[in-house]
Amino acid sequence: MNMDRLAVSYHEGWEQRTRPVVGALSTAVARERDRAGEQYAVVLSSDDQPLLLIEIA
């Protein structure tokens, strides 16, 4: 894992049974959802491999 190449992406959420994230969000939309207290997910990845998923609700 290359820690210099970490990427952050935002999504509407994730599918618990099959585990993929769904509905890509822009950073601006994720910020709006955060301010409004709405749900979104944050994925931290390296070399296109997801490392961490945080679901904000």
N, C-alpha and C. Protein backbone atom coordinates (compact mmCIF):
# COMPACT_ATOMS: atom_id res chain seq x y z
N MET A 1 0.85 -1.17 0.00
CA MET A 1 0.00 0.00 0.00
C MET A 1 0.90 1.24 0.00
N ASN A 2 0.61 2.13 -0.90
CA ASN A 2 1.36 3.37 -1.03
C ASN A 2 0.61 4.49 -0.32
N MET A 3 1.07 4.88 0.84
CA MET A 3 0.38 5.91 1.62
C MET A 3 0.45 7.29 0.96
N ASP A 4 1.37 7.47 0.02
CA ASP A 4 1.46 8.74 -0.70
C ASP A 4 0.36 8.88 -1.74
N ARG A 5 -0.34 7.80 -2.04
CA ARG A 5 -1.35 7.82 -3.09
C ARG A 5 -2.75 7.52 -2.55
N LEU A 6 -3.06 8.04 -1.40
CA LEU A 6 -4.39 7.84 -0.83
C LEU A 6 -5.39 8.75 -1.53
N ALA A 7 -6.56 8.21 -1.79
CA ALA A 7 -7.63 8.98 -2.44
C ALA A 7 -8.87 8.95 -1.55
N VAL A 8 -9.60 10.05 -1.55
CA VAL A 8 -10.85 10.15 -0.80
C VAL A 8 -11.97 10.32 -1.81
N SER A 9 -13.05 9.55 -1.64
CA SER A 9 -14.23 9.72 -2.49
C SER A 9 -15.47 9.73 -1.61
N TYR A 10 -16.52 10.34 -2.13
CA TYR A 10 -17.76 10.50 -1.38
C TYR A 10 -18.89 9.82 -2.14
N HIS A 11 -19.83 9.22 -1.39
CA HIS A 11 -20.90 8.45 -2.00
C HIS A 11 -22.19 8.61 -1.20
N GLU A 12 -23.30 8.24 -1.84
CA GLU A 12 -24.60 8.29 -1.16
C GLU A 12 -24.66 7.30 -0.02
N GLY A 13 -23.98 6.19 -0.13
CA GLY A 13 -23.98 5.16 0.91
C GLY A 13 -23.32 3.91 0.37
N TRP A 14 -23.62 2.79 1.01
CA TRP A 14 -23.09 1.53 0.54
C TRP A 14 -24.12 0.44 0.72
N GLU A 15 -24.03 -0.58 -0.09
CA GLU A 15 -24.96 -1.72 -0.04
C GLU A 15 -24.40 -2.74 0.94
N GLN A 16 -25.08 -2.89 2.06
CA GLN A 16 -24.57 -3.72 3.15
C GLN A 16 -24.38 -5.18 2.75
N ARG A 17 -25.30 -5.73 1.97
CA ARG A 17 -25.18 -7.16 1.62
C ARG A 17 -24.05 -7.44 0.64
N THR A 18 -23.93 -6.63 -0.40
CA THR A 18 -22.93 -6.89 -1.43
C THR A 18 -21.69 -6.01 -1.28
N ARG A 19 -21.77 -5.00 -0.44
CA ARG A 19 -20.68 -4.12 -0.01
C ARG A 19 -20.16 -3.08 -1.00
N PRO A 20 -20.70 -2.90 -2.18
CA PRO A 20 -20.18 -1.79 -2.99
C PRO A 20 -20.77 -0.46 -2.53
N VAL A 21 -19.99 0.60 -2.72
CA VAL A 21 -20.53 1.93 -2.47
C VAL A 21 -21.43 2.30 -3.65
N VAL A 22 -22.40 3.15 -3.40
CA VAL A 22 -23.35 3.54 -4.44
C VAL A 22 -23.43 5.06 -4.52
N GLY A 23 -23.72 5.55 -5.71
CA GLY A 23 -24.01 6.96 -5.91
C GLY A 23 -22.86 7.90 -5.60
N ALA A 24 -21.91 8.02 -6.50
CA ALA A 24 -20.79 8.94 -6.29
C ALA A 24 -21.30 10.37 -6.08
N LEU A 25 -20.67 11.07 -5.14
CA LEU A 25 -21.01 12.47 -4.84
C LEU A 25 -19.78 13.34 -5.03
N SER A 26 -20.00 14.56 -5.44
CA SER A 26 -18.90 15.53 -5.49
C SER A 26 -18.58 15.97 -4.06
N THR A 27 -17.41 16.55 -3.90
CA THR A 27 -17.02 17.07 -2.60
C THR A 27 -18.02 18.13 -2.12
N ALA A 28 -18.47 18.97 -3.04
CA ALA A 28 -19.42 20.03 -2.68
C ALA A 28 -20.74 19.45 -2.17
N VAL A 29 -21.25 18.42 -2.82
CA VAL A 29 -22.50 17.80 -2.39
C VAL A 29 -22.30 17.11 -1.04
N ALA A 30 -21.17 16.45 -0.85
CA ALA A 30 -20.89 15.81 0.44
C ALA A 30 -20.86 16.86 1.55
N ARG A 31 -20.27 18.01 1.28
CA ARG A 31 -20.25 19.09 2.29
C ARG A 31 -21.66 19.58 2.60
N GLU A 32 -22.48 19.72 1.57
CA GLU A 32 -23.87 20.14 1.78
C GLU A 32 -24.61 19.13 2.63
N ARG A 33 -24.43 17.85 2.33
CA ARG A 33 -25.08 16.81 3.13
C ARG A 33 -24.60 16.85 4.57
N ASP A 34 -23.31 17.08 4.76
CA ASP A 34 -22.76 17.14 6.11
C ASP A 34 -23.38 18.30 6.88
N ARG A 35 -23.45 19.46 6.27
CA ARG A 35 -24.05 20.64 6.92
C ARG A 35 -25.51 20.41 7.27
N ALA A 36 -26.22 19.68 6.41
CA ALA A 36 -27.65 19.44 6.61
C ALA A 36 -27.91 18.24 7.53
N GLY A 37 -26.86 17.54 7.95
CA GLY A 37 -27.02 16.36 8.80
C GLY A 37 -27.54 15.15 8.04
N GLU A 38 -27.33 15.13 6.73
CA GLU A 38 -27.81 14.02 5.90
C GLU A 38 -26.73 12.95 5.74
N GLN A 39 -27.16 11.76 5.39
CA GLN A 39 -26.27 10.61 5.25
C GLN A 39 -25.41 10.70 3.99
N TYR A 40 -24.16 10.24 4.14
CA TYR A 40 -23.25 10.04 3.01
C TYR A 40 -22.14 9.12 3.49
N ALA A 41 -21.35 8.63 2.56
CA ALA A 41 -20.25 7.73 2.90
C ALA A 41 -18.94 8.31 2.37
N VAL A 42 -17.87 8.05 3.09
CA VAL A 42 -16.53 8.46 2.69
C VAL A 42 -15.69 7.19 2.52
N VAL A 43 -14.99 7.09 1.40
CA VAL A 43 -14.14 5.94 1.14
C VAL A 43 -12.71 6.43 0.98
N LEU A 44 -11.81 5.81 1.72
CA LEU A 44 -10.38 6.06 1.59
C LEU A 44 -9.79 4.88 0.84
N SER A 45 -9.07 5.15 -0.24
CA SER A 45 -8.53 4.05 -1.05
C SER A 45 -7.10 4.35 -1.48
N SER A 46 -6.42 3.29 -1.88
CA SER A 46 -5.07 3.38 -2.40
C SER A 46 -4.97 2.45 -3.59
N ASP A 47 -4.46 2.96 -4.70
CA ASP A 47 -4.34 2.15 -5.93
C ASP A 47 -5.66 1.48 -6.28
N ASP A 48 -6.75 2.21 -6.18
CA ASP A 48 -8.11 1.74 -6.49
C ASP A 48 -8.60 0.61 -5.59
N GLN A 49 -7.95 0.38 -4.46
CA GLN A 49 -8.39 -0.62 -3.50
C GLN A 49 -8.94 0.10 -2.28
N PRO A 50 -10.23 -0.12 -1.95
CA PRO A 50 -10.79 0.54 -0.76
C PRO A 50 -10.10 0.06 0.51
N LEU A 51 -9.75 1.00 1.37
CA LEU A 51 -9.10 0.68 2.63
C LEU A 51 -10.00 0.92 3.83
N LEU A 52 -10.84 1.94 3.72
CA LEU A 52 -11.67 2.34 4.85
C LEU A 52 -12.96 2.95 4.34
N LEU A 53 -14.06 2.56 4.94
CA LEU A 53 -15.37 3.14 4.63
C LEU A 53 -15.92 3.75 5.91
N ILE A 54 -16.34 4.99 5.83
CA ILE A 54 -16.98 5.66 6.96
C ILE A 54 -18.35 6.11 6.49
N GLU A 55 -19.39 5.65 7.17
CA GLU A 55 -20.74 6.08 6.82
C GLU A 55 -21.19 7.12 7.83
N ILE A 56 -21.51 8.30 7.34
CA ILE A 56 -21.96 9.41 8.18
C ILE A 56 -23.47 9.45 8.10
N ALA A 57 -24.11 9.39 9.26
CA ALA A 57 -25.58 9.40 9.27
C ALA A 57 -26.07 10.43 10.26
